[in-house]
Protein backbone atom coordinates (compact mmCIF):
# COMPACT_ATOMS: atom_id res chain seq x y z
CA UNK A 1 -19.19 -10.59 -19.18
CA UNK A 2 -16.75 -12.19 -16.74
CA UNK A 3 -15.09 -9.97 -14.21
CA UNK A 4 -11.31 -9.69 -14.60
CA UNK A 5 -9.27 -11.25 -11.78
CA UNK A 6 -6.80 -8.69 -10.45
CA UNK A 7 -3.55 -9.66 -8.73
CA UNK A 8 -1.29 -7.19 -6.93
CA UNK A 9 2.30 -8.34 -6.52
CA UNK A 10 4.38 -6.41 -4.01
CA UNK A 11 8.05 -7.29 -3.79
CA UNK A 12 11.04 -6.19 -1.73
CA UNK A 13 9.31 -3.41 0.15
CA UNK A 14 12.24 -2.82 2.54
CA UNK A 15 10.04 -0.58 4.64
CA UNK A 16 10.83 0.05 8.29
CA UNK A 17 8.28 0.63 11.00
CA UNK A 18 9.24 4.31 10.91
CA UNK A 19 7.85 4.85 7.36
CA UNK A 20 4.16 5.51 8.01
CA UNK A 21 3.91 7.60 4.81
CA UNK A 22 5.12 4.69 2.65
CA UNK A 23 2.85 2.17 4.35
CA UNK A 24 -0.12 4.53 4.01
CA UNK A 25 0.59 5.22 0.29
CA UNK A 26 0.82 1.50 -0.45
CA UNK A 27 -2.39 0.85 1.49
CA UNK A 28 -4.21 3.60 -0.43
CA UNK A 29 -3.02 2.22 -3.78
CA UNK A 30 -4.16 -1.29 -2.94
CA UNK A 31 -7.54 -0.02 -1.75
CA UNK A 32 -7.91 2.01 -4.95
CA UNK A 33 -7.24 -0.93 -7.28
CA UNK A 34 -9.05 -3.45 -5.05
CA UNK A 35 -7.18 -6.59 -6.17
CA UNK A 36 -8.71 -10.03 -5.73
CA UNK A 37 -5.36 -11.42 -4.59
CA UNK A 38 -2.33 -9.76 -3.00
CA UNK A 39 1.02 -11.53 -3.26
CA UNK A 40 3.84 -10.25 -1.07
CA UNK A 41 7.33 -11.57 -1.72
CA UNK A 42 10.90 -10.60 -1.02
CA UNK A 43 12.04 -8.55 1.95
CA UNK A 44 9.22 -7.02 3.96
CA UNK A 45 11.42 -4.82 6.09
CA UNK A 46 14.74 -3.06 5.86
CA UNK A 47 16.32 -4.45 9.02
CA UNK A 48 14.33 -7.66 9.60
CA UNK A 49 14.10 -6.63 13.24
CA UNK A 50 11.32 -8.12 15.32
CA UNK A 51 9.57 -4.75 15.60
CA UNK A 52 9.68 -4.18 11.82
CA UNK A 53 8.29 -7.66 11.16
CA UNK A 54 5.52 -7.16 13.75
CA UNK A 55 4.70 -3.84 12.08
CA UNK A 56 4.48 -5.53 8.65
CA UNK A 57 2.28 -8.34 9.99
CA UNK A 58 0.00 -5.84 11.71
CA UNK A 59 -0.31 -3.91 8.43
CA UNK A 60 -1.25 -7.10 6.55
CA UNK A 61 -3.79 -8.46 9.03
CA UNK A 62 -5.06 -5.39 10.83
CA UNK A 63 -4.46 -1.69 11.18
CA UNK A 64 -1.39 0.32 12.15
CA UNK A 65 -1.95 3.18 14.56
CA UNK A 66 -0.32 6.16 12.89
CA UNK A 67 2.11 8.30 14.85
CA UNK A 68 0.35 11.35 13.47
CA UNK A 69 -3.23 12.46 13.95
CA UNK A 70 -4.28 10.55 10.81
CA UNK A 71 -6.56 7.52 11.23
CA UNK A 72 -5.15 3.97 11.45
CA UNK A 73 -4.52 2.11 8.22
CA UNK A 74 -3.91 -1.46 7.05
CA UNK A 75 -5.05 -4.16 4.67
CA UNK A 76 -7.12 -6.22 7.15
CA UNK A 77 -6.53 -9.35 5.05
CA UNK A 78 -8.52 -12.36 6.12
CA UNK A 79 -11.58 -10.41 7.29
CA UNK A 80 -13.73 -11.35 4.31
């Protein structure tokens, strides 16, 4: 039996760098469903400030260091 190809489409997140809880919840959901492809469209951040965009890019390619005592989180896209 062929494995189903799963796509996650995330659009218009409008999340600022200050929303660790939202970023973490989205990360956990994506890790749970383990999509083969993630498509991100629309507005990544609320303000489009340089710091918000850097935060979004860090989340996509690496890990964000949480402001709380929780461990870092991120998608780490491009590692595999």
